PDB file of N, CA and C in Angstrom:
ATOM      1  N   MET A   1     177.246 295.930 192.035  1.00  0.00           N
ATOM      2  CA  MET A   1     176.863 296.444 193.329  1.00  0.00           C
ATOM      3  C   MET A   1     175.838 295.503 193.939  1.00  0.00           C
ATOM      4  N   SER A   2     176.119 295.018 195.139  1.00  0.00           N
ATOM      5  CA  SER A   2     175.233 294.078 195.815  1.00  0.00           C
ATOM      6  C   SER A   2     174.216 294.822 196.659  1.00  0.00           C
ATOM      7  N   MET A   3     172.967 294.404 196.593  1.00  0.00           N
ATOM      8  CA  MET A   3     171.890 294.999 197.390  1.00  0.00           C
ATOM      9  C   MET A   3     171.465 294.038 198.502  1.00  0.00           C
ATOM     10  N   GLU A   4     172.320 293.077 198.821  1.00  0.00           N
ATOM     11  CA  GLU A   4     171.999 292.089 199.835  1.00  0.00           C
ATOM     12  C   GLU A   4     171.835 292.762 201.194  1.00  0.00           C
ATOM     13  N   GLY A   5     170.784 292.432 201.890  1.00  0.00           N
ATOM     14  CA  GLY A   5     170.528 292.986 203.210  1.00  0.00           C
ATOM     15  C   GLY A   5     169.833 294.337 203.211  1.00  0.00           C
ATOM     16  N   VAL A   6     169.581 294.906 202.047  1.00  0.00           N
ATOM     17  CA  VAL A   6     168.909 296.197 201.962  1.00  0.00           C
ATOM     18  C   VAL A   6     167.408 295.962 201.839  1.00  0.00           C
ATOM     19  N   GLN A   7     166.661 296.585 202.731  1.00  0.00           N
ATOM     20  CA  GLN A   7     165.210 296.437 202.710  1.00  0.00           C
ATOM     21  C   GLN A   7     164.592 297.451 201.751  1.00  0.00           C
ATOM     22  N   PRO A   8     163.612 297.043 200.959  1.00  0.00           N
ATOM     23  CA  PRO A   8     162.943 297.994 200.076  1.00  0.00           C
ATOM     24  C   PRO A   8     162.089 298.968 200.887  1.00  0.00           C
ATOM     25  N   VAL A   9     161.830 300.121 200.317  1.00  0.00           N
ATOM     26  CA  VAL A   9     161.003 301.131 200.961  1.00  0.00           C
ATOM     27  C   VAL A   9     159.538 300.731 200.814  1.00  0.00           C
ATOM     28  N   HIS A  10     158.793 300.865 201.900  1.00  0.00           N
ATOM     29  CA  HIS A  10     157.364 300.550 201.880  1.00  0.00           C
ATOM     30  C   HIS A  10     156.581 301.753 202.414  1.00  0.00           C
ATOM     31  N   ALA A  11     155.385 301.906 201.943  1.00  0.00           N
ATOM     32  CA  ALA A  11     154.479 302.919 202.476  1.00  0.00           C
ATOM     33  C   ALA A  11     153.225 302.200 202.949  1.00  0.00           C
ATOM     34  N   ILE A  12     152.790 302.526 204.140  1.00  0.00           N
ATOM     35  CA  ILE A  12     151.567 301.949 204.692  1.00  0.00           C
ATOM     36  C   ILE A  12     150.591 303.092 204.932  1.00  0.00           C
ATOM     37  N   TYR A  13     149.415 302.975 204.399  1.00  0.00           N
ATOM     38  CA  TYR A  13     148.389 303.992 204.568  1.00  0.00           C
ATOM     39  C   TYR A  13     147.276 303.401 205.421  1.00  0.00           C
ATOM     40  N   ILE A  14     146.855 304.130 206.426  1.00  0.00           N
ATOM     41  CA  ILE A  14     145.811 303.673 207.332  1.00  0.00           C
ATOM     42  C   ILE A  14     144.674 304.683 207.293  1.00  0.00           C
ATOM     43  N   LYS A  15     143.489 304.184 207.070  1.00  0.00           N
ATOM     44  CA  LYS A  15     142.310 305.050 207.114  1.00  0.00           C
ATOM     45  C   LYS A  15     141.626 304.788 208.453  1.00  0.00           C
ATOM     46  N   ALA A  16     141.506 305.827 209.255  1.00  0.00           N
ATOM     47  CA  ALA A  16     140.909 305.700 210.581  1.00  0.00           C
ATOM     48  C   ALA A  16     139.958 306.864 210.817  1.00  0.00           C
ATOM     49  N   VAL A  17     139.042 306.662 211.727  1.00  0.00           N
ATOM     50  CA  VAL A  17     138.078 307.696 212.079  1.00  0.00           C
ATOM     51  C   VAL A  17     138.141 307.913 213.586  1.00  0.00           C
ATOM     52  N   MET A  18     138.216 309.176 213.969  1.00  0.00           N
ATOM     53  CA  MET A  18     138.159 309.533 215.387  1.00  0.00           C
ATOM     54  C   MET A  18     136.952 310.440 215.565  1.00  0.00           C
ATOM     55  N   THR A  19     136.033 310.024 216.392  1.00  0.00           N
ATOM     56  CA  THR A  19     134.853 310.847 216.631  1.00  0.00           C
ATOM     57  C   THR A  19     135.084 311.732 217.849  1.00  0.00           C
ATOM     58  N   ASN A  20     134.488 312.876 217.818  1.00  0.00           N
ATOM     59  CA  ASN A  20     134.514 313.808 218.942  1.00  0.00           C
ATOM     60  C   ASN A  20     135.904 314.327 219.300  1.00  0.00           C
ATOM     61  N   ALA A  21     136.764 314.536 218.335  1.00  0.00           N
ATOM     62  CA  ALA A  21     138.048 315.170 218.609  1.00  0.00           C
ATOM     63  C   ALA A  21     137.774 316.638 218.906  1.00  0.00           C
ATOM     64  N   ALA A  22     138.270 317.105 220.026  1.00  0.00           N
ATOM     65  CA  ALA A  22     137.977 318.470 220.452  1.00  0.00           C
ATOM     66  C   ALA A  22     138.772 319.521 219.685  1.00  0.00           C
ATOM     67  N   SER A  23     139.847 319.091 219.006  1.00  0.00           N
ATOM     68  CA  SER A  23     140.654 320.039 218.238  1.00  0.00           C
ATOM     69  C   SER A  23     141.454 319.286 217.181  1.00  0.00           C
ATOM     70  N   VAL A  24     141.978 320.046 216.242  1.00  0.00           N
ATOM     71  CA  VAL A  24     142.836 319.461 215.213  1.00  0.00           C
ATOM     72  C   VAL A  24     144.102 318.904 215.856  1.00  0.00           C
ATOM     73  N   LEU A  25     144.632 319.588 216.852  1.00  0.00           N
ATOM     74  CA  LEU A  25     145.835 319.137 217.543  1.00  0.00           C
ATOM     75  C   LEU A  25     145.628 317.762 218.179  1.00  0.00           C
ATOM     76  N   ILE A  26     144.487 317.551 218.789  1.00  0.00           N
ATOM     77  CA  ILE A  26     144.180 316.249 219.391  1.00  0.00           C
ATOM     78  C   ILE A  26     144.075 315.175 218.314  1.00  0.00           C
ATOM     79  N   ALA A  27     143.416 315.478 217.216  1.00  0.00           N
ATOM     80  CA  ALA A  27     143.280 314.512 216.119  1.00  0.00           C
ATOM     81  C   ALA A  27     144.641 314.163 215.528  1.00  0.00           C
ATOM     82  N   GLU A  28     145.504 315.150 215.355  1.00  0.00           N
ATOM     83  CA  GLU A  28     146.848 314.900 214.816  1.00  0.00           C
ATOM     84  C   GLU A  28     147.676 314.045 215.778  1.00  0.00           C
ATOM     85  N   ALA A  29     147.596 314.350 217.073  1.00  0.00           N
ATOM     86  CA  ALA A  29     148.331 313.567 218.070  1.00  0.00           C
ATOM     87  C   ALA A  29     147.826 312.126 218.102  1.00  0.00           C
ATOM     88  N   ALA A  30     146.522 311.941 217.994  1.00  0.00           N
ATOM     89  CA  ALA A  30     145.946 310.599 217.975  1.00  0.00           C
ATOM     90  C   ALA A  30     146.396 309.829 216.733  1.00  0.00           C
ATOM     91  N   ALA A  31     146.466 310.515 215.596  1.00  0.00           N
ATOM     92  CA  ALA A  31     146.903 309.862 214.357  1.00  0.00           C
ATOM     93  C   ALA A  31     148.354 309.397 214.459  1.00  0.00           C
ATOM     94  N   LEU A  32     149.217 310.230 215.020  1.00  0.00           N
ATOM     95  CA  LEU A  32     150.617 309.825 215.190  1.00  0.00           C
ATOM     96  C   LEU A  32     150.749 308.673 216.180  1.00  0.00           C
ATOM     97  N   ALA A  33     149.953 308.698 217.243  1.00  0.00           N
ATOM     98  CA  ALA A  33     149.974 307.600 218.211  1.00  0.00           C
ATOM     99  C   ALA A  33     149.520 306.296 217.566  1.00  0.00           C
ATOM    100  N   LEU A  34     148.487 306.357 216.742  1.00  0.00           N
ATOM    101  CA  LEU A  34     148.018 305.171 216.024  1.00  0.00           C
ATOM    102  C   LEU A  34     149.100 304.647 215.088  1.00  0.00           C
ATOM    103  N   ALA A  35     149.728 305.545 214.338  1.00  0.00           N
ATOM    104  CA  ALA A  35     150.781 305.132 213.411  1.00  0.00           C
ATOM    105  C   ALA A  35     151.946 304.472 214.140  1.00  0.00           C
ATOM    106  N   ALA A  36     152.343 305.038 215.266  1.00  0.00           N
ATOM    107  CA  ALA A  36     153.453 304.467 216.036  1.00  0.00           C
ATOM    108  C   ALA A  36     153.075 303.119 216.629  1.00  0.00           C
ATOM    109  N   THR A  37     151.829 302.985 217.065  1.00  0.00           N
ATOM    110  CA  THR A  37     151.359 301.717 217.627  1.00  0.00           C
ATOM    111  C   THR A  37     151.357 300.620 216.567  1.00  0.00           C
ATOM    112  N   VAL A  38     150.847 300.929 215.384  1.00  0.00           N
ATOM    113  CA  VAL A  38     150.835 299.962 214.281  1.00  0.00           C
ATOM    114  C   VAL A  38     152.260 299.627 213.869  1.00  0.00           C
ATOM    115  N   ASN A  39     153.101 300.632 213.768  1.00  0.00           N
ATOM    116  CA  ASN A  39     154.502 300.434 213.409  1.00  0.00           C
ATOM    117  C   ASN A  39     155.179 299.486 214.398  1.00  0.00           C
ATOM    118  N   ASP A  40     154.928 299.690 215.678  1.00  0.00           N
ATOM    119  CA  ASP A  40     155.513 298.843 216.713  1.00  0.00           C
ATOM    120  C   ASP A  40     154.972 297.416 216.621  1.00  0.00           C
ATOM    121  N   ALA A  41     153.663 297.280 216.412  1.00  0.00           N
ATOM    122  CA  ALA A  41     153.048 295.951 216.319  1.00  0.00           C
ATOM    123  C   ALA A  41     153.576 295.158 215.121  1.00  0.00           C
ATOM    124  N   LEU A  42     153.921 295.862 214.052  1.00  0.00           N
ATOM    125  CA  LEU A  42     154.447 295.203 212.848  1.00  0.00           C
ATOM    126  C   LEU A  42     155.965 295.025 212.896  1.00  0.00           C
ATOM    127  N   ASN A  43     156.590 295.453 213.987  1.00  0.00           N
ATOM    128  CA  ASN A  43     158.046 295.324 214.143  1.00  0.00           C
ATOM    129  C   ASN A  43     158.814 296.020 213.030  1.00  0.00           C
ATOM    130  N   ILE A  44     158.407 297.206 212.665  1.00  0.00           N
ATOM    131  CA  ILE A  44     159.070 297.941 211.594  1.00  0.00           C
ATOM    132  C   ILE A  44     160.050 298.933 212.214  1.00  0.00           C
ATOM    133  N   ASN A  45     161.285 298.918 211.732  1.00  0.00           N
ATOM    134  CA  ASN A  45     162.320 299.838 212.200  1.00  0.00           C
ATOM    135  C   ASN A  45     162.588 300.909 211.152  1.00  0.00           C
ATOM    136  N   ASN A  46     163.366 301.907 211.533  1.00  0.00           N
ATOM    137  CA  ASN A  46     163.785 302.986 210.630  1.00  0.00           C
ATOM    138  C   ASN A  46     162.598 303.699 209.997  1.00  0.00           C
ATOM    139  N   THR A  47     161.644 304.060 210.822  1.00  0.00           N
ATOM    140  CA  THR A  47     160.419 304.695 210.345  1.00  0.00           C
ATOM    141  C   THR A  47     160.514 306.205 210.458  1.00  0.00           C
ATOM    142  N   ILE A  48     159.990 306.884 209.478  1.00  0.00           N
ATOM    143  CA  ILE A  48     159.882 308.339 209.504  1.00  0.00           C
ATOM    144  C   ILE A  48     158.396 308.673 209.611  1.00  0.00           C
ATOM    145  N   PHE A  49     158.039 309.410 210.651  1.00  0.00           N
ATOM    146  CA  PHE A  49     156.654 309.838 210.841  1.00  0.00           C
ATOM    147  C   PHE A  49     156.535 311.263 210.336  1.00  0.00           C
ATOM    148  N   LEU A  50     155.534 311.527 209.535  1.00  0.00           N
ATOM    149  CA  LEU A  50     155.318 312.856 208.971  1.00  0.00           C
ATOM    150  C   LEU A  50     154.020 313.456 209.500  1.00  0.00           C
ATOM    151  N   SER A  51     154.059 314.741 209.772  1.00  0.00           N
ATOM    152  CA  SER A  51     152.867 315.467 210.188  1.00  0.00           C
ATOM    153  C   SER A  51     152.976 316.894 209.682  1.00  0.00           C
ATOM    154  N   ASP A  52     151.852 317.472 209.330  1.00  0.00           N
ATOM    155  CA  ASP A  52     151.847 318.866 208.899  1.00  0.00           C
ATOM    156  C   ASP A  52     151.406 319.795 210.036  1.00  0.00           C
ATOM    157  N   CYS A  53     151.313 319.259 211.246  1.00  0.00           N
ATOM    158  CA  CYS A  53     150.918 320.044 212.410  1.00  0.00           C
ATOM    159  C   CYS A  53     152.186 320.563 213.099  1.00  0.00           C
ATOM    160  N   GLN A  54     152.573 321.780 212.752  1.00  0.00           N
ATOM    161  CA  GLN A  54     153.837 322.352 213.218  1.00  0.00           C
ATOM    162  C   GLN A  54     153.919 322.391 214.741  1.00  0.00           C
ATOM    163  N   GLN A  55     152.849 322.734 215.400  1.00  0.00           N
ATOM    164  CA  GLN A  55     152.840 322.813 216.859  1.00  0.00           C
ATOM    165  C   GLN A  55     153.146 321.448 217.486  1.00  0.00           C
ATOM    166  N   LEU A  56     152.569 320.390 216.946  1.00  0.00           N
ATOM    167  CA  LEU A  56     152.800 319.037 217.450  1.00  0.00           C
ATOM    168  C   LEU A  56     154.215 318.569 217.143  1.00  0.00           C
ATOM    169  N   VAL A  57     154.686 318.837 215.941  1.00  0.00           N
ATOM    170  CA  VAL A  57     156.039 318.431 215.548  1.00  0.00           C
ATOM    171  C   VAL A  57     157.075 319.099 216.448  1.00  0.00           C
ATOM    172  N   HIS A  58     156.920 320.389 216.694  1.00  0.00           N
ATOM    173  CA  HIS A  58     157.865 321.091 217.571  1.00  0.00           C
ATOM    174  C   HIS A  58     157.848 320.494 218.976  1.00  0.00           C
ATOM    175  N   PHE A  59     156.662 320.184 219.486  1.00  0.00           N
ATOM    176  CA  PHE A  59     156.564 319.595 220.819  1.00  0.00           C
ATOM    177  C   PHE A  59     157.248 318.234 220.874  1.00  0.00           C
ATOM    178  N   LEU A  60     156.983 317.375 219.875  1.00  0.00           N
ATOM    179  CA  LEU A  60     157.569 316.032 219.883  1.00  0.00           C
ATOM    180  C   LEU A  60     159.078 316.045 219.654  1.00  0.00           C
ATOM    181  N   ASN A  61     159.582 317.041 218.941  1.00  0.00           N
ATOM    182  CA  ASN A  61     161.022 317.138 218.711  1.00  0.00           C
ATOM    183  C   ASN A  61     161.757 317.835 219.854  1.00  0.00           C
ATOM    184  N   ASP A  62     161.017 318.427 220.781  1.00  0.00           N
ATOM    185  CA  ASP A  62     161.617 319.127 221.908  1.00  0.00           C
ATOM    186  C   ASP A  62     162.153 318.111 222.919  1.00  0.00           C
ATOM    187  N   ALA A  63     163.277 318.426 223.527  1.00  0.00           N
ATOM    188  CA  ALA A  63     163.859 317.535 224.538  1.00  0.00           C
ATOM    189  C   ALA A  63     162.968 317.436 225.777  1.00  0.00           C
ATOM    190  N   ASP A  64     162.251 318.508 226.083  1.00  0.00           N
ATOM    191  CA  ASP A  64     161.367 318.538 227.251  1.00  0.00           C
ATOM    192  C   ASP A  64     159.919 318.379 226.792  1.00  0.00           C
ATOM    193  N   GLN A  65     159.354 317.205 227.044  1.00  0.00           N
ATOM    194  CA  GLN A  65     157.968 316.952 226.647  1.00  0.00           C
ATOM    195  C   GLN A  65     157.035 316.911 227.855  1.00  0.00           C
ATOM    196  N   THR A  66     157.385 317.666 228.882  1.00  0.00           N
ATOM    197  CA  THR A  66     156.564 317.651 230.097  1.00  0.00           C
ATOM    198  C   THR A  66     155.385 318.612 230.030  1.00  0.00           C
ATOM    199  N   ASN A  67     155.427 319.595 229.135  1.00  0.00           N
ATOM    200  CA  ASN A  67     154.345 320.578 229.047  1.00  0.00           C
ATOM    201  C   ASN A  67     153.789 320.652 227.631  1.00  0.00           C
ATOM    202  N   PRO A  68     152.852 319.768 227.299  1.00  0.00           N
ATOM    203  CA  PRO A  68     152.278 319.808 225.949  1.00  0.00           C
ATOM    204  C   PRO A  68     151.472 321.089 225.732  1.00  0.00           C
ATOM    205  N   PRO A  69     151.306 321.495 224.476  1.00  0.00           N
ATOM    206  CA  PRO A  69     150.536 322.710 224.187  1.00  0.00           C
ATOM    207  C   PRO A  69     149.066 322.592 224.606  1.00  0.00           C
ATOM    208  N   ASP A  70     148.572 321.385 224.724  1.00  0.00           N
ATOM    209  CA  ASP A  70     147.214 321.120 225.195  1.00  0.00           C
ATOM    210  C   ASP A  70     147.298 319.817 225.994  1.00  0.00           C
ATOM    211  N   TRP A  71     146.943 319.844 227.262  1.00  0.00           N
ATOM    212  CA  TRP A  71     147.108 318.662 228.109  1.00  0.00           C
ATOM    213  C   TRP A  71     146.286 317.468 227.636  1.00  0.00           C
ATOM    214  N   ARG A  72     145.273 317.716 226.830  1.00  0.00           N
ATOM    215  CA  ARG A  72     144.448 316.599 226.339  1.00  0.00           C
ATOM    216  C   ARG A  72     145.206 315.711 225.355  1.00  0.00           C
ATOM    217  N   ILE A  73     146.350 316.157 224.835  1.00  0.00           N
ATOM    218  CA  ILE A  73     147.123 315.318 223.912  1.00  0.00           C
ATOM    219  C   ILE A  73     148.179 314.489 224.640  1.00  0.00           C
ATOM    220  N   LYS A  74     148.333 314.680 225.939  1.00  0.00           N
ATOM    221  CA  LYS A  74     149.409 314.019 226.682  1.00  0.00           C
ATOM    222  C   LYS A  74     149.362 312.499 226.533  1.00  0.00           C
ATOM    223  N   TYR A  75     148.177 311.901 226.624  1.00  0.00           N
ATOM    224  CA  TYR A  75     148.065 310.451 226.471  1.00  0.00           C
ATOM    225  C   TYR A  75     148.607 310.009 225.108  1.00  0.00           C
ATOM    226  N   PHE A  76     148.230 310.724 224.050  1.00  0.00           N
ATOM    227  CA  PHE A  76     148.644 310.353 222.696  1.00  0.00           C
ATOM    228  C   PHE A  76     150.140 310.585 222.475  1.00  0.00           C
ATOM    229  N   THR A  77     150.655 311.692 222.988  1.00  0.00           N
ATOM    230  CA  THR A  77     152.085 311.961 222.783  1.00  0.00           C
ATOM    231  C   THR A  77     152.945 310.978 223.576  1.00  0.00           C
ATOM    232  N   GLN A  78     152.456 310.579 224.757  1.00  0.00           N
ATOM    233  CA  GLN A  78     153.204 309.590 225.539  1.00  0.00           C
ATOM    234  C   GLN A  78     153.165 308.226 224.853  1.00  0.00           C
ATOM    235  N   LEU A  79     152.026 307.860 224.305  1.00  0.00           N
ATOM    236  CA  LEU A  79     151.901 306.608 223.559  1.00  0.00           C
ATOM    237  C   LEU A  79     152.827 306.613 222.344  1.00  0.00           C
ATOM    238  N   PHE A  80     152.857 307.740 221.633  1.00  0.00           N
ATOM    239  CA  PHE A  80     153.766 307.872 220.487  1.00  0.00           C
ATOM    240  C   PHE A  80     155.210 307.713 220.934  1.00  0.00           C
ATOM    241  N   ALA A  81     155.592 308.406 222.000  1.00  0.00           N
ATOM    242  CA  ALA A  81     156.975 308.333 222.491  1.00  0.00           C
ATOM    243  C   ALA A  81     157.333 306.912 222.922  1.00  0.00           C
ATOM    244  N   ASN A  82     156.425 306.229 223.593  1.00  0.00           N
ATOM    245  CA  ASN A  82     156.696 304.865 224.047  1.00  0.00           C
ATOM    246  C   ASN A  82     156.881 303.905 222.882  1.00  0.00           C
ATOM    247  N   CYS A  83     156.014 303.992 221.885  1.00  0.00           N
ATOM    248  CA  CYS A  83     156.089 303.080 220.732  1.00  0.00           C
ATOM    249  C   CYS A  83     157.229 303.436 219.785  1.00  0.00           C
ATOM    250  N   ALA A  84     157.355 304.701 219.471  1.00  0.00           N
ATOM    251  CA  ALA A  84     158.390 305.131 218.518  1.00  0.00           C
ATOM    252  C   ALA A  84     159.789 305.051 219.145  1.00  0.00           C
ATOM    253  N   GLY A  85     159.858 305.235 220.440  1.00  0.00           N
ATOM    254  CA  GLY A  85     161.148 305.198 221.120  1.00  0.00           C
ATOM    255  C   GLY A  85     161.777 303.824 221.151  1.00  0.00           C
ATOM    256  N   GLN A  86     160.962 302.780 220.992  1.00  0.00           N
ATOM    257  CA  GLN A  86     161.469 301.415 220.987  1.00  0.00           C
ATOM    258  C   GLN A  86     162.055 301.022 219.637  1.00  0.00           C
ATOM    259  N   ARG A  87     161.834 301.838 218.648  1.00  0.00           N
ATOM    260  CA  ARG A  87     162.290 301.560 217.283  1.00  0.00           C
ATOM    261  C   ARG A  87     163.367 302.539 216.907  1.00  0.00           C
ATOM    262  N   ARG A  88     164.136 302.178 215.875  1.00  0.00           N
ATOM    263  CA  ARG A  88     165.127 303.126 215.350  1.00  0.00           C
ATOM    264  C   ARG A  88     164.453 304.053 214.381  1.00  0.00           C
TER     265      ARG A  88
END
């Protein structure tokens, strides 16, 4: 069985600090935006983003992202969509 052309699985862990996050939802949205930005900068495709914030996951998986659960996350969710949308 040939494994030619198959990329190995990699995990990248980023330690970041966000000061003055007004809520957990904002911090989670910022973390996903950071991950998508780094992923895009490194030209990595076929990425799976994981989050344990059910409210954020449901919003990002929804076809209509015009009404976020908290408008303060709109910048981060749009950044995530822009970066992640360019990748497979």
